[in-house]
């Protein structure tokens, strides 16, 4: 049994995911109030992944590290590699919120963008 808070929508349902070989998906998800929650729960146990938040080095800014986040979900087995790239990246101010800081990180089709202006 796996318990997690759903992040598919703002409701944040408390999901319980139980293995069940009789189900086509091999799992039963309960606690979800929408179909997105069911899909989130299934993916959480079969393909764990995350949106990454981090900080890059910032030159010529009022802060030394700029908060950034990925524009999509990064597979769990790629998170550490992405974090190494993010932590070693340096950008120069001025930067606007939403500016692409790292394009197509690790060839995943996901960008890393500024989470605030600097």
N, C-alpha and C. Protein backbone atom coordinates (compact mmCIF):
# COMPACT_ATOMS: atom_id res chain seq x y z
N UNK A 1 0.84 -1.17 0.00
CA UNK A 1 0.00 0.00 0.00
C UNK A 1 0.89 1.24 0.00
N UNK A 2 0.48 2.24 -0.78
CA UNK A 2 1.22 3.49 -0.90
C UNK A 2 0.24 4.63 -0.67
N UNK A 3 0.59 5.57 0.20
CA UNK A 3 -0.25 6.74 0.45
C UNK A 3 0.50 7.97 -0.03
N UNK A 4 -0.24 8.88 -0.68
CA UNK A 4 0.37 10.11 -1.16
C UNK A 4 -0.69 11.18 -1.32
N UNK A 5 -0.24 12.42 -1.32
CA UNK A 5 -1.14 13.53 -1.57
C UNK A 5 -1.13 13.82 -3.07
N UNK A 6 -2.29 13.89 -3.67
CA UNK A 6 -2.39 14.12 -5.11
C UNK A 6 -2.01 15.56 -5.44
N UNK A 7 -1.27 15.72 -6.52
CA UNK A 7 -0.86 17.04 -6.98
C UNK A 7 -1.39 17.34 -8.37
N UNK A 8 -2.39 16.57 -8.81
CA UNK A 8 -2.94 16.74 -10.16
C UNK A 8 -3.81 17.98 -10.27
N UNK A 9 -4.41 18.42 -9.16
CA UNK A 9 -5.24 19.61 -9.16
C UNK A 9 -5.16 20.26 -7.79
N UNK A 10 -5.77 21.44 -7.62
CA UNK A 10 -5.65 22.14 -6.33
C UNK A 10 -6.34 21.47 -5.14
N UNK A 11 -7.21 20.49 -5.35
CA UNK A 11 -7.93 19.87 -4.24
C UNK A 11 -6.96 19.16 -3.29
N UNK A 12 -5.98 18.43 -3.83
CA UNK A 12 -4.97 17.75 -2.99
C UNK A 12 -5.51 16.57 -2.22
N UNK A 13 -6.22 15.70 -2.90
CA UNK A 13 -6.80 14.51 -2.25
C UNK A 13 -5.72 13.62 -1.64
N UNK A 14 -6.08 12.92 -0.57
CA UNK A 14 -5.20 11.93 0.05
C UNK A 14 -5.47 10.60 -0.64
N UNK A 15 -4.53 10.14 -1.43
CA UNK A 15 -4.70 8.91 -2.20
C UNK A 15 -4.12 7.70 -1.50
N UNK A 16 -4.77 6.58 -1.69
CA UNK A 16 -4.25 5.29 -1.26
C UNK A 16 -4.18 4.42 -2.50
N UNK A 17 -3.00 3.87 -2.77
CA UNK A 17 -2.79 3.03 -3.95
C UNK A 17 -2.43 1.64 -3.47
N UNK A 18 -3.22 0.66 -3.90
CA UNK A 18 -3.04 -0.73 -3.47
C UNK A 18 -2.84 -1.60 -4.71
N UNK A 19 -1.87 -2.50 -4.65
CA UNK A 19 -1.62 -3.44 -5.75
C UNK A 19 -2.77 -4.45 -5.81
N UNK A 20 -3.29 -4.68 -7.02
CA UNK A 20 -4.37 -5.64 -7.23
C UNK A 20 -4.21 -6.23 -8.62
N UNK A 21 -3.70 -7.45 -8.68
CA UNK A 21 -3.41 -8.11 -9.95
C UNK A 21 -4.66 -8.35 -10.80
N UNK A 22 -5.85 -8.28 -10.20
CA UNK A 22 -7.08 -8.51 -10.97
C UNK A 22 -7.49 -7.29 -11.78
N UNK A 23 -6.95 -6.14 -11.45
CA UNK A 23 -7.26 -4.90 -12.17
C UNK A 23 -6.40 -4.78 -13.42
N UNK A 24 -6.94 -4.20 -14.50
CA UNK A 24 -6.14 -4.02 -15.73
C UNK A 24 -4.87 -3.20 -15.48
N UNK A 25 -4.94 -2.21 -14.60
CA UNK A 25 -3.78 -1.37 -14.31
C UNK A 25 -2.87 -1.99 -13.25
N UNK A 26 -3.33 -3.08 -12.61
CA UNK A 26 -2.63 -3.78 -11.53
C UNK A 26 -2.67 -3.03 -10.20
N UNK A 27 -3.40 -1.90 -10.14
CA UNK A 27 -3.52 -1.11 -8.91
C UNK A 27 -4.93 -0.57 -8.77
N UNK A 28 -5.34 -0.34 -7.52
CA UNK A 28 -6.59 0.34 -7.21
C UNK A 28 -6.22 1.64 -6.51
N UNK A 29 -6.77 2.75 -6.99
CA UNK A 29 -6.55 4.06 -6.39
C UNK A 29 -7.84 4.51 -5.72
N UNK A 30 -7.76 4.88 -4.45
CA UNK A 30 -8.94 5.40 -3.75
C UNK A 30 -8.59 6.75 -3.12
N UNK A 31 -9.62 7.51 -2.80
CA UNK A 31 -9.44 8.82 -2.19
C UNK A 31 -9.46 9.95 -3.18
N UNK A 32 -9.43 9.64 -4.48
CA UNK A 32 -9.43 10.67 -5.52
C UNK A 32 -10.86 11.16 -5.77
N UNK A 33 -10.98 12.46 -6.02
CA UNK A 33 -12.28 13.06 -6.33
C UNK A 33 -12.46 13.29 -7.83
N UNK A 34 -11.41 12.99 -8.62
CA UNK A 34 -11.51 13.16 -10.07
C UNK A 34 -10.65 12.11 -10.76
N UNK A 35 -10.83 11.96 -12.06
CA UNK A 35 -10.04 10.98 -12.83
C UNK A 35 -8.57 11.35 -12.89
N UNK A 36 -8.27 12.65 -12.81
CA UNK A 36 -6.87 13.07 -12.81
C UNK A 36 -6.14 12.50 -11.59
N UNK A 37 -6.84 12.42 -10.47
CA UNK A 37 -6.25 11.86 -9.25
C UNK A 37 -5.93 10.39 -9.42
N UNK A 38 -6.82 9.66 -10.08
CA UNK A 38 -6.57 8.24 -10.33
C UNK A 38 -5.32 8.08 -11.20
N UNK A 39 -5.23 8.87 -12.27
CA UNK A 39 -4.07 8.80 -13.16
C UNK A 39 -2.78 9.20 -12.42
N UNK A 40 -2.86 10.23 -11.58
CA UNK A 40 -1.70 10.65 -10.80
C UNK A 40 -1.24 9.52 -9.89
N UNK A 41 -2.19 8.88 -9.20
CA UNK A 41 -1.86 7.78 -8.29
C UNK A 41 -1.21 6.61 -9.00
N UNK A 42 -1.75 6.24 -10.16
CA UNK A 42 -1.17 5.14 -10.92
C UNK A 42 0.25 5.48 -11.37
N UNK A 43 0.43 6.70 -11.86
CA UNK A 43 1.76 7.10 -12.33
C UNK A 43 2.74 7.20 -11.16
N UNK A 44 2.25 7.59 -10.00
CA UNK A 44 3.12 7.72 -8.82
C UNK A 44 3.77 6.39 -8.44
N UNK A 45 3.05 5.28 -8.63
CA UNK A 45 3.62 3.98 -8.27
C UNK A 45 4.30 3.27 -9.45
N UNK A 46 3.92 3.62 -10.68
CA UNK A 46 4.52 2.94 -11.83
C UNK A 46 5.66 3.72 -12.47
N UNK A 47 5.58 5.05 -12.47
CA UNK A 47 6.61 5.90 -13.06
C UNK A 47 6.79 7.15 -12.21
N UNK A 48 7.39 7.04 -11.02
CA UNK A 48 7.51 8.22 -10.17
C UNK A 48 8.31 9.33 -10.85
N UNK A 49 7.82 10.55 -10.76
CA UNK A 49 8.47 11.70 -11.39
C UNK A 49 8.07 12.96 -10.64
N UNK A 50 8.78 14.05 -10.90
CA UNK A 50 8.55 15.30 -10.17
C UNK A 50 8.83 16.51 -11.05
N UNK A 51 8.15 17.62 -10.72
CA UNK A 51 8.57 18.92 -11.21
C UNK A 51 9.69 19.33 -10.26
N UNK A 52 10.79 19.79 -10.81
CA UNK A 52 11.95 20.13 -9.99
C UNK A 52 11.99 21.63 -9.72
N UNK A 53 12.26 21.98 -8.49
CA UNK A 53 12.54 23.36 -8.09
C UNK A 53 13.99 23.41 -7.65
N UNK A 54 14.69 24.46 -8.04
CA UNK A 54 16.08 24.59 -7.65
C UNK A 54 16.53 26.04 -7.76
N UNK A 55 17.83 26.24 -7.75
CA UNK A 55 18.40 27.59 -7.86
C UNK A 55 19.65 27.53 -8.74
N UNK A 56 19.76 28.54 -9.62
CA UNK A 56 20.96 28.68 -10.44
C UNK A 56 21.74 29.89 -9.93
N UNK A 57 23.02 29.92 -10.23
CA UNK A 57 23.84 31.06 -9.86
C UNK A 57 23.41 32.28 -10.67
N UNK A 58 23.36 33.45 -10.04
CA UNK A 58 22.94 34.68 -10.70
C UNK A 58 24.03 35.73 -10.57
N UNK A 59 24.48 36.24 -11.70
CA UNK A 59 25.49 37.31 -11.74
C UNK A 59 24.78 38.64 -11.94
N UNK A 60 25.32 39.70 -11.31
CA UNK A 60 24.82 41.07 -11.45
C UNK A 60 23.40 41.26 -10.96
N UNK A 61 22.96 40.44 -10.02
CA UNK A 61 21.62 40.58 -9.47
C UNK A 61 21.67 40.97 -8.01
N UNK A 62 20.51 41.29 -7.44
CA UNK A 62 20.44 41.65 -6.03
C UNK A 62 20.47 40.39 -5.15
N UNK A 63 20.25 39.24 -5.75
CA UNK A 63 20.37 37.95 -5.06
C UNK A 63 21.44 37.14 -5.77
N UNK A 64 22.02 36.17 -5.08
CA UNK A 64 23.12 35.41 -5.70
C UNK A 64 22.64 34.12 -6.39
N UNK A 65 21.44 33.64 -6.01
CA UNK A 65 20.90 32.43 -6.60
C UNK A 65 19.46 32.69 -7.03
N UNK A 66 19.14 32.35 -8.26
CA UNK A 66 17.82 32.60 -8.83
C UNK A 66 16.97 31.33 -8.74
N UNK A 67 15.78 31.40 -8.14
CA UNK A 67 14.90 30.23 -8.10
C UNK A 67 14.41 29.86 -9.50
N UNK A 68 14.43 28.58 -9.80
CA UNK A 68 13.98 28.07 -11.09
C UNK A 68 13.11 26.83 -10.89
N UNK A 69 12.38 26.46 -11.93
CA UNK A 69 11.60 25.22 -11.90
C UNK A 69 11.49 24.66 -13.30
N UNK A 70 11.21 23.37 -13.38
CA UNK A 70 11.04 22.73 -14.68
C UNK A 70 9.64 23.01 -15.19
N UNK A 71 9.49 23.02 -16.51
CA UNK A 71 8.19 23.27 -17.13
C UNK A 71 7.38 21.99 -17.28
N UNK A 72 7.97 20.88 -16.91
CA UNK A 72 7.27 19.60 -17.00
C UNK A 72 7.81 18.64 -15.96
N UNK A 73 7.26 17.46 -15.99
CA UNK A 73 7.60 16.43 -15.00
C UNK A 73 8.87 15.68 -15.44
N UNK A 74 9.81 15.57 -14.51
CA UNK A 74 11.09 14.90 -14.77
C UNK A 74 11.02 13.48 -14.18
N UNK A 75 11.37 12.47 -14.98
CA UNK A 75 11.38 11.10 -14.44
C UNK A 75 12.30 10.99 -13.22
N UNK A 76 11.87 10.18 -12.27
CA UNK A 76 12.58 10.03 -11.00
C UNK A 76 14.06 9.69 -11.19
N UNK A 77 14.38 8.86 -12.17
CA UNK A 77 15.77 8.45 -12.37
C UNK A 77 16.64 9.53 -13.02
N UNK A 78 16.05 10.66 -13.40
CA UNK A 78 16.80 11.77 -14.02
C UNK A 78 16.92 12.99 -13.10
N UNK A 79 16.27 12.94 -11.93
CA UNK A 79 16.24 14.10 -11.04
C UNK A 79 17.63 14.52 -10.59
N UNK A 80 18.45 13.60 -10.11
CA UNK A 80 19.79 13.96 -9.62
C UNK A 80 20.64 14.56 -10.72
N UNK A 81 20.57 13.99 -11.91
CA UNK A 81 21.34 14.51 -13.04
C UNK A 81 20.89 15.93 -13.41
N UNK A 82 19.58 16.15 -13.38
CA UNK A 82 19.05 17.49 -13.65
C UNK A 82 19.50 18.48 -12.59
N UNK A 83 19.47 18.06 -11.33
CA UNK A 83 19.89 18.96 -10.25
C UNK A 83 21.36 19.35 -10.37
N UNK A 84 22.21 18.44 -10.81
CA UNK A 84 23.63 18.78 -11.01
C UNK A 84 23.77 19.88 -12.06
N UNK A 85 23.00 19.76 -13.14
CA UNK A 85 23.05 20.78 -14.20
C UNK A 85 22.50 22.10 -13.69
N UNK A 86 21.35 22.06 -13.02
CA UNK A 86 20.74 23.28 -12.48
C UNK A 86 21.69 23.97 -11.51
N UNK A 87 22.25 23.23 -10.57
CA UNK A 87 23.12 23.82 -9.55
C UNK A 87 24.41 24.40 -10.11
N UNK A 88 24.84 23.93 -11.28
CA UNK A 88 26.08 24.44 -11.87
C UNK A 88 25.84 25.49 -12.96
N UNK A 89 24.60 25.82 -13.23
CA UNK A 89 24.27 26.80 -14.27
C UNK A 89 24.37 28.21 -13.72
N UNK A 90 24.89 29.11 -14.55
CA UNK A 90 25.04 30.52 -14.17
C UNK A 90 24.34 31.39 -15.21
N UNK A 91 23.55 32.35 -14.74
CA UNK A 91 22.86 33.28 -15.63
C UNK A 91 23.21 34.70 -15.21
N UNK A 92 22.93 35.65 -16.10
CA UNK A 92 23.24 37.05 -15.83
C UNK A 92 21.94 37.85 -15.79
N UNK A 93 21.78 38.65 -14.73
CA UNK A 93 20.61 39.53 -14.61
C UNK A 93 20.71 40.62 -15.68
N UNK A 94 19.61 41.15 -16.16
CA UNK A 94 18.24 40.96 -15.67
C UNK A 94 17.59 39.71 -16.28
N UNK A 95 16.73 39.10 -15.50
CA UNK A 95 15.96 37.92 -15.89
C UNK A 95 14.50 38.18 -15.53
N UNK A 96 13.59 37.81 -16.42
CA UNK A 96 12.17 37.94 -16.12
C UNK A 96 11.60 36.58 -15.70
N UNK A 97 10.58 36.61 -14.86
CA UNK A 97 9.90 35.38 -14.47
C UNK A 97 9.40 34.69 -15.74
N UNK A 98 9.71 33.40 -15.84
CA UNK A 98 9.29 32.62 -17.00
C UNK A 98 10.34 32.52 -18.10
N UNK A 99 11.41 33.32 -18.01
CA UNK A 99 12.49 33.22 -19.00
C UNK A 99 13.11 31.82 -18.95
N UNK A 100 13.42 31.27 -20.11
CA UNK A 100 14.07 29.96 -20.16
C UNK A 100 15.52 30.13 -19.74
N UNK A 101 15.91 29.36 -18.73
CA UNK A 101 17.27 29.39 -18.19
C UNK A 101 18.07 28.23 -18.77
N UNK A 102 17.46 27.06 -18.88
CA UNK A 102 18.07 25.88 -19.50
C UNK A 102 17.03 25.30 -20.46
N UNK A 103 17.38 25.25 -21.72
CA UNK A 103 16.46 24.72 -22.72
C UNK A 103 16.64 23.21 -22.88
N UNK A 104 15.53 22.49 -22.88
CA UNK A 104 15.51 21.05 -23.17
C UNK A 104 16.52 20.27 -22.33
N UNK A 105 16.42 20.40 -21.02
CA UNK A 105 17.38 19.75 -20.12
C UNK A 105 17.42 18.23 -20.36
N UNK A 106 18.61 17.71 -20.51
CA UNK A 106 18.88 16.27 -20.74
C UNK A 106 18.12 15.71 -21.94
N UNK A 107 17.69 16.58 -22.85
CA UNK A 107 16.95 16.12 -24.03
C UNK A 107 15.57 15.57 -23.69
N UNK A 108 15.02 15.96 -22.53
CA UNK A 108 13.73 15.45 -22.07
C UNK A 108 12.54 16.22 -22.65
N UNK A 109 12.82 17.30 -23.39
CA UNK A 109 11.73 18.12 -23.90
C UNK A 109 11.15 19.04 -22.83
N UNK A 110 11.91 19.27 -21.77
CA UNK A 110 11.48 20.08 -20.63
C UNK A 110 12.49 21.21 -20.46
N UNK A 111 11.97 22.42 -20.29
CA UNK A 111 12.83 23.57 -20.03
C UNK A 111 12.90 23.86 -18.54
N UNK A 112 13.92 24.60 -18.14
CA UNK A 112 14.04 25.12 -16.78
C UNK A 112 13.85 26.62 -16.91
N UNK A 113 12.89 27.18 -16.16
CA UNK A 113 12.55 28.59 -16.28
C UNK A 113 12.73 29.31 -14.96
N UNK A 114 12.91 30.63 -15.06
CA UNK A 114 13.03 31.48 -13.86
C UNK A 114 11.69 31.49 -13.14
N UNK A 115 11.73 31.32 -11.82
CA UNK A 115 10.52 31.33 -11.01
C UNK A 115 10.21 32.73 -10.46
N UNK A 116 11.11 33.69 -10.71
CA UNK A 116 10.89 35.09 -10.31
C UNK A 116 11.77 35.99 -11.16
N UNK A 117 11.53 37.28 -11.10
CA UNK A 117 12.40 38.20 -11.83
C UNK A 117 13.61 38.54 -10.97
N UNK A 118 14.68 38.88 -11.65
CA UNK A 118 15.90 39.25 -10.93
C UNK A 118 16.71 40.21 -11.77
